[in-house]
C-alpha atoms as a PDB file:
ATOM      1  CA  MET A   1     147.259 107.056  57.150  1.00  0.00           C
ATOM      2  CA  ALA A   2     143.502 107.274  57.713  1.00  0.00           C
ATOM      3  CA  LEU A   3     141.874 104.688  59.959  1.00  0.00           C
ATOM      4  CA  ARG A   4     140.688 101.897  57.650  1.00  0.00           C
ATOM      5  CA  MET A   5     138.494  98.844  58.072  1.00  0.00           C
ATOM      6  CA  ASN A   6     140.400  95.684  57.206  1.00  0.00           C
ATOM      7  CA  PRO A   7     138.683  94.687  53.911  1.00  0.00           C
ATOM      8  CA  ASN A   8     139.456  91.011  54.530  1.00  0.00           C
ATOM      9  CA  LEU A   9     137.350  90.875  57.700  1.00  0.00           C
ATOM     10  CA  TYR A  10     133.587  90.460  57.816  1.00  0.00           C
ATOM     11  CA  PRO A  11     132.066  92.985  60.259  1.00  0.00           C
ATOM     12  CA  PRO A  12     129.828  91.551  63.028  1.00  0.00           C
ATOM     13  CA  ASP A  13     126.716  93.281  61.623  1.00  0.00           C
ATOM     14  CA  GLY A  14     127.574  92.489  57.997  1.00  0.00           C
ATOM     15  CA  TYR A  15     128.257  94.882  55.158  1.00  0.00           C
ATOM     16  CA  SER A  16     126.129  97.747  56.420  1.00  0.00           C
ATOM     17  CA  PHE A  17     126.217 101.528  56.680  1.00  0.00           C
ATOM     18  CA  GLN A  18     123.908 103.987  58.431  1.00  0.00           C
ATOM     19  CA  ASP A  19     123.645 107.167  56.393  1.00  0.00           C
ATOM     20  CA  ALA A  20     123.553 110.605  58.027  1.00  0.00           C
ATOM     21  CA  ASP A  21     119.760 110.696  57.625  1.00  0.00           C
ATOM     22  CA  GLY A  22     119.412 107.453  59.619  1.00  0.00           C
ATOM     23  CA  VAL A  23     118.749 105.048  56.734  1.00  0.00           C
ATOM     24  CA  LEU A  24     120.529 101.716  57.223  1.00  0.00           C
ATOM     25  CA  HIS A  25     121.954 100.268  54.004  1.00  0.00           C
ATOM     26  CA  ARG A  26     123.045  96.646  53.554  1.00  0.00           C
ATOM     27  CA  GLY A  27     125.091  94.998  50.853  1.00  0.00           C
ATOM     28  CA  GLU A  28     126.450  91.585  49.931  1.00  0.00           C
ATOM     29  CA  SER A  29     130.035  92.902  49.775  1.00  0.00           C
ATOM     30  CA  TRP A  30     131.857  96.211  50.333  1.00  0.00           C
ATOM     31  CA  ARG A  31     131.533  96.957  46.613  1.00  0.00           C
ATOM     32  CA  HIS A  32     127.814  96.145  46.597  1.00  0.00           C
ATOM     33  CA  LEU A  33     127.285  98.289  49.722  1.00  0.00           C
ATOM     34  CA  ARG A  34     128.928 101.278  47.985  1.00  0.00           C
ATOM     35  CA  MET A  35     126.665 100.723  44.971  1.00  0.00           C
ATOM     36  CA  VAL A  36     123.543 100.582  47.190  1.00  0.00           C
ATOM     37  CA  VAL A  37     124.445 103.805  49.038  1.00  0.00           C
ATOM     38  CA  THR A  38     125.422 105.611  45.822  1.00  0.00           C
ATOM     39  CA  ALA A  39     122.110 104.628  44.199  1.00  0.00           C
ATOM     40  CA  TYR A  40     120.164 105.782  47.283  1.00  0.00           C
ATOM     41  CA  ARG A  41     121.924 109.158  47.373  1.00  0.00           C
ATOM     42  CA  THR A  42     121.472 109.680  43.622  1.00  0.00           C
ATOM     43  CA  ARG A  43     117.775 108.766  43.818  1.00  0.00           C
ATOM     44  CA  ASN A  44     117.224 111.188  46.715  1.00  0.00           C
ATOM     45  CA  ARG A  45     119.373 113.994  45.242  1.00  0.00           C
ATOM     46  CA  LYS A  46     121.848 113.863  48.122  1.00  0.00           C
ATOM     47  CA  PRO A  47     125.528 114.731  47.725  1.00  0.00           C
ATOM     48  CA  ALA A  48     127.725 111.750  46.840  1.00  0.00           C
ATOM     49  CA  GLY A  49     130.274 112.509  49.586  1.00  0.00           C
ATOM     50  CA  ASP A  50     133.434 110.493  50.156  1.00  0.00           C
ATOM     51  CA  LEU A  51     131.694 107.159  50.562  1.00  0.00           C
ATOM     52  CA  ASP A  52     134.799 105.069  51.259  1.00  0.00           C
ATOM     53  CA  ALA A  53     135.837 107.426  54.092  1.00  0.00           C
ATOM     54  CA  GLU A  54     132.298 107.508  55.503  1.00  0.00           C
ATOM     55  CA  ILE A  55     131.910 103.708  55.493  1.00  0.00           C
ATOM     56  CA  ASN A  56     135.343 103.292  57.077  1.00  0.00           C
ATOM     57  CA  ALA A  57     134.590 105.874  59.769  1.00  0.00           C
ATOM     58  CA  TYR A  58     131.215 104.265  60.493  1.00  0.00           C
ATOM     59  CA  HIS A  59     132.682 100.775  60.942  1.00  0.00           C
ATOM     60  CA  CYS A  60     135.851 101.886  62.722  1.00  0.00           C
ATOM     61  CA  ALA A  61     133.766 103.839  65.252  1.00  0.00           C
ATOM     62  CA  LYS A  62     131.831 100.652  66.004  1.00  0.00           C
ATOM     63  CA  TYR A  63     134.634  98.095  65.678  1.00  0.00           C
ATOM     64  CA  ALA A  64     137.946  99.844  66.268  1.00  0.00           C
ATOM     65  CA  GLY A  65     139.682  96.497  66.728  1.00  0.00           C
ATOM     66  CA  LEU A  66     138.966  95.584  63.099  1.00  0.00           C
ATOM     67  CA  CYS A  67     140.648  98.731  61.795  1.00  0.00           C
ATOM     68  CA  TYR A  68     144.194  99.864  61.213  1.00  0.00           C
ATOM     69  CA  GLY A  69     145.846 103.277  60.828  1.00  0.00           C
ATOM     70  CA  ASN A  70     145.892 106.242  63.175  1.00  0.00           C
ATOM     71  CA  ASN A  71     143.939 109.154  61.747  1.00  0.00           C
ATOM     72  CA  PRO A  72     140.156 108.697  62.108  1.00  0.00           C
ATOM     73  CA  VAL A  73     137.920 110.385  59.581  1.00  0.00           C
ATOM     74  CA  PRO A  74     134.778 111.747  61.276  1.00  0.00           C
ATOM     75  CA  HIS A  75     131.506 110.422  59.908  1.00  0.00           C
ATOM     76  CA  PRO A  76     129.662 113.446  58.500  1.00  0.00           C
ATOM     77  CA  VAL A  77     126.322 113.982  60.197  1.00  0.00           C
ATOM     78  CA  ALA A  78     123.671 116.281  58.786  1.00  0.00           C
ATOM     79  CA  SER A  79     122.494 119.075  61.071  1.00  0.00           C
ATOM     80  CA  GLY A  80     118.972 117.626  61.215  1.00  0.00           C
ATOM     81  CA  SER A  81     120.207 114.161  62.158  1.00  0.00           C
ATOM     82  CA  SER A  82     119.079 112.296  65.218  1.00  0.00           C
ATOM     83  CA  VAL A  83     120.866 112.630  68.541  1.00  0.00           C
ATOM     84  CA  THR A  84     121.809 108.954  68.187  1.00  0.00           C
ATOM     85  CA  ALA A  85     123.632 109.614  64.885  1.00  0.00           C
ATOM     86  CA  LYS A  86     125.388 112.651  66.343  1.00  0.00           C
ATOM     87  CA  VAL A  87     126.503 110.720  69.446  1.00  0.00           C
ATOM     88  CA  ALA A  88     127.802 107.845  67.281  1.00  0.00           C
ATOM     89  CA  ASN A  89     129.870 110.327  65.263  1.00  0.00           C
ATOM     90  CA  TRP A  90     131.151 112.014  68.433  1.00  0.00           C
ATOM     91  CA  ILE A  91     132.132 108.640  69.943  1.00  0.00           C
ATOM     92  CA  GLY A  92     134.178 107.747  66.857  1.00  0.00           C
ATOM     93  CA  THR A  93     136.011 111.054  66.946  1.00  0.00           C
ATOM     94  CA  ILE A  94     136.672 110.854  70.719  1.00  0.00           C
ATOM     95  CA  LEU A  95     138.007 107.294  70.498  1.00  0.00           C
ATOM     96  CA  GLY A  96     140.389 108.349  67.729  1.00  0.00           C
ATOM     97  CA  GLU A  97     141.658 111.343  69.699  1.00  0.00           C
ATOM     98  CA  PHE A  98     142.095 109.251  72.844  1.00  0.00           C
ATOM     99  CA  ARG A  99     143.937 106.510  70.937  1.00  0.00           C
ATOM    100  CA  ARG A 100     146.369 109.105  69.526  1.00  0.00           C
ATOM    101  CA  GLY A 101     146.972 110.574  72.995  1.00  0.00           C
ATOM    102  CA  LEU A 102     145.244 113.885  72.215  1.00  0.00           C
ATOM    103  CA  LEU A 103     142.695 113.571  75.010  1.00  0.00           C
ATOM    104  CA  ARG A 104     142.953 113.027  78.746  1.00  0.00           C
ATOM    105  CA  LEU A 105     140.576 112.313  81.612  1.00  0.00           C
ATOM    106  CA  VAL A 106     139.740 114.800  84.380  1.00  0.00           C
ATOM    107  CA  SER A 107     139.644 113.861  88.084  1.00  0.00           C
ATOM    108  CA  ARG A 108     136.653 111.902  89.407  1.00  0.00           C
ATOM    109  CA  GLU A 109     135.730 114.914  91.573  1.00  0.00           C
ATOM    110  CA  GLU A 110     135.601 117.185  88.515  1.00  0.00           C
ATOM    111  CA  ALA A 111     133.580 114.579  86.618  1.00  0.00           C
ATOM    112  CA  LYS A 112     131.072 114.434  89.501  1.00  0.00           C
ATOM    113  CA  ARG A 113     130.755 118.236  89.515  1.00  0.00           C
ATOM    114  CA  ARG A 114     130.076 118.247  85.780  1.00  0.00           C
ATOM    115  CA  ALA A 115     127.631 115.326  86.031  1.00  0.00           C
ATOM    116  CA  ALA A 116     125.608 117.219  88.653  1.00  0.00           C
ATOM    117  CA  ILE A 117     125.166 120.066  86.142  1.00  0.00           C
ATOM    118  CA  CYS A 118     124.182 117.702  83.315  1.00  0.00           C
ATOM    119  CA  ALA A 119     121.728 115.782  85.531  1.00  0.00           C
ATOM    120  CA  VAL A 120     119.370 118.777  85.738  1.00  0.00           C
ATOM    121  CA  CYS A 121     119.947 120.118  82.221  1.00  0.00           C
ATOM    122  CA  PRO A 122     116.881 120.339  79.947  1.00  0.00           C
ATOM    123  CA  ALA A 123     119.064 119.664  76.873  1.00  0.00           C
ATOM    124  CA  GLN A 124     119.411 115.941  77.699  1.00  0.00           C
ATOM    125  CA  SER A 125     117.972 113.658  75.036  1.00  0.00           C
ATOM    126  CA  SER A 126     117.761 109.867  75.019  1.00  0.00           C
ATOM    127  CA  LEU A 127     119.380 107.579  72.462  1.00  0.00           C
ATOM    128  CA  SER A 128     117.048 105.768  70.098  1.00  0.00           C
ATOM    129  CA  THR A 129     116.391 102.250  71.385  1.00  0.00           C
ATOM    130  CA  VAL A 130     115.829 101.133  67.778  1.00  0.00           C
ATOM    131  CA  CYS A 131     119.582 101.171  67.117  1.00  0.00           C
ATOM    132  CA  SER A 132     120.901  98.537  69.507  1.00  0.00           C
ATOM    133  CA  SER A 133     124.325  98.591  67.834  1.00  0.00           C
ATOM    134  CA  CYS A 134     124.533 102.361  68.476  1.00  0.00           C
ATOM    135  CA  ILE A 135     123.842 101.835  72.170  1.00  0.00           C
ATOM    136  CA  ALA A 136     126.351  98.971  72.294  1.00  0.00           C
ATOM    137  CA  SER A 137     129.052 101.129  70.664  1.00  0.00           C
ATOM    138  CA  VAL A 138     128.473 103.933  73.201  1.00  0.00           C
ATOM    139  CA  GLU A 139     128.733 101.465  76.098  1.00  0.00           C
ATOM    140  CA  SER A 140     131.840  99.916  74.551  1.00  0.00           C
ATOM    141  CA  ALA A 141     133.459 103.366  74.215  1.00  0.00           C
ATOM    142  CA  ARG A 142     132.715 104.105  77.860  1.00  0.00           C
ATOM    143  CA  ARG A 143     134.440 100.877  78.895  1.00  0.00           C
ATOM    144  CA  ALA A 144     137.404 101.556  76.596  1.00  0.00           C
ATOM    145  CA  LEU A 145     137.985 105.066  77.954  1.00  0.00           C
ATOM    146  CA  LEU A 146     136.962 104.713  81.593  1.00  0.00           C
ATOM    147  CA  GLY A 147     137.984 101.105  82.245  1.00  0.00           C
ATOM    148  CA  ASP A 148     136.754  99.444  85.425  1.00  0.00           C
ATOM    149  CA  ALA A 149     136.031 102.796  87.102  1.00  0.00           C
ATOM    150  CA  GLY A 150     132.980 103.370  84.894  1.00  0.00           C
ATOM    151  CA  PRO A 151     130.981 106.604  84.646  1.00  0.00           C
ATOM    152  CA  VAL A 152     130.383 108.690  87.794  1.00  0.00           C
ATOM    153  CA  HIS A 153     126.691 109.110  86.928  1.00  0.00           C
ATOM    154  CA  GLN A 154     124.900 106.332  85.046  1.00  0.00           C
ATOM    155  CA  SER A 155     121.568 108.102  84.596  1.00  0.00           C
ATOM    156  CA  LEU A 156     122.738 110.879  82.298  1.00  0.00           C
ATOM    157  CA  TYR A 157     121.398 111.116  78.756  1.00  0.00           C
ATOM    158  CA  PRO A 158     123.298 112.530  75.776  1.00  0.00           C
ATOM    159  CA  CYS A 159     123.378 116.285  75.195  1.00  0.00           C
ATOM    160  CA  GLY A 160     120.791 117.068  72.536  1.00  0.00           C
ATOM    161  CA  LEU A 161     122.581 120.292  71.621  1.00  0.00           C
ATOM    162  CA  LEU A 162     126.150 118.989  71.295  1.00  0.00           C
ATOM    163  CA  GLY A 163     125.498 115.355  70.356  1.00  0.00           C
ATOM    164  CA  GLU A 164     127.820 114.139  73.124  1.00  0.00           C
ATOM    165  CA  ASP A 165     127.365 111.220  75.494  1.00  0.00           C
ATOM    166  CA  CYS A 166     127.251 113.024  78.859  1.00  0.00           C
ATOM    167  CA  GLN A 167     128.139 109.894  80.851  1.00  0.00           C
ATOM    168  CA  LEU A 168     131.461 109.937  79.008  1.00  0.00           C
ATOM    169  CA  SER A 169     132.004 113.627  78.231  1.00  0.00           C
ATOM    170  CA  VAL A 170     131.962 114.679  81.901  1.00  0.00           C
ATOM    171  CA  HIS A 171     135.162 112.625  82.321  1.00  0.00           C
ATOM    172  CA  LEU A 172     137.041 114.185  79.395  1.00  0.00           C
ATOM    173  CA  ALA A 173     139.243 117.280  79.210  1.00  0.00           C
ATOM    174  CA  LEU A 174     137.383 118.831  76.275  1.00  0.00           C
ATOM    175  CA  LYS A 175     137.836 122.246  74.716  1.00  0.00           C
ATOM    176  CA  PRO A 176     135.007 124.699  75.455  1.00  0.00           C
ATOM    177  CA  SER A 177     132.111 124.578  73.008  1.00  0.00           C
ATOM    178  CA  VAL A 178     131.105 127.551  70.877  1.00  0.00           C
ATOM    179  CA  GLU A 179     127.461 126.393  70.771  1.00  0.00           C
ATOM    180  CA  LYS A 180     125.474 129.515  71.669  1.00  0.00           C
ATOM    181  CA  SER A 181     122.299 127.705  72.749  1.00  0.00           C
ATOM    182  CA  LEU A 182     123.936 125.931  75.710  1.00  0.00           C
ATOM    183  CA  PRO A 183     122.425 126.795  79.109  1.00  0.00           C
ATOM    184  CA  ALA A 184     124.200 129.531  81.061  1.00  0.00           C
ATOM    185  CA  ASN A 185     125.540 127.145  83.714  1.00  0.00           C
ATOM    186  CA  CYS A 186     126.808 124.488  81.256  1.00  0.00           C
ATOM    187  CA  TRP A 187     130.325 123.286  82.066  1.00  0.00           C
ATOM    188  CA  ARG A 188     131.040 122.911  78.303  1.00  0.00           C
ATOM    189  CA  LYS A 189     131.031 126.716  77.778  1.00  0.00           C
END
């Protein structure tokens, strides 16, 4: 069963949804929110998409405790989207994989080695400070996955090429990336 937001609960930030292009939509109910997003996409000649799955993925990435099920649906992010949107999508996917036991942490020594590489990488890009809920969800994911130990390097920014939160990704046993534009010394290759 796909991870689903409990429809009987009111989310902390209300009935809202941030579209892949960064536009934040608000509604008076889940049904009204779907109508608002559908109207926006129709007006702007954007594909309709699977709106229920996208809204569920968006809210479950931010408020996993308000969701049920065990198979997260990644929030689709357009290739031209902001780093913040890409990181939010990545966080949702990582939390789902970790919750299902598909992801493990590497040793602190390995995380430090990786963090040293990321610290001098020109691909780092900051999160938008406009989206305080995005920043809060990233920090919440770090706490959920790393616990009291926390990140080994707290001054890392997200990877602008991969859309990953480097403070968290350096701790994870991730598969190598196929992104060709990564620097030669990148540990993600």
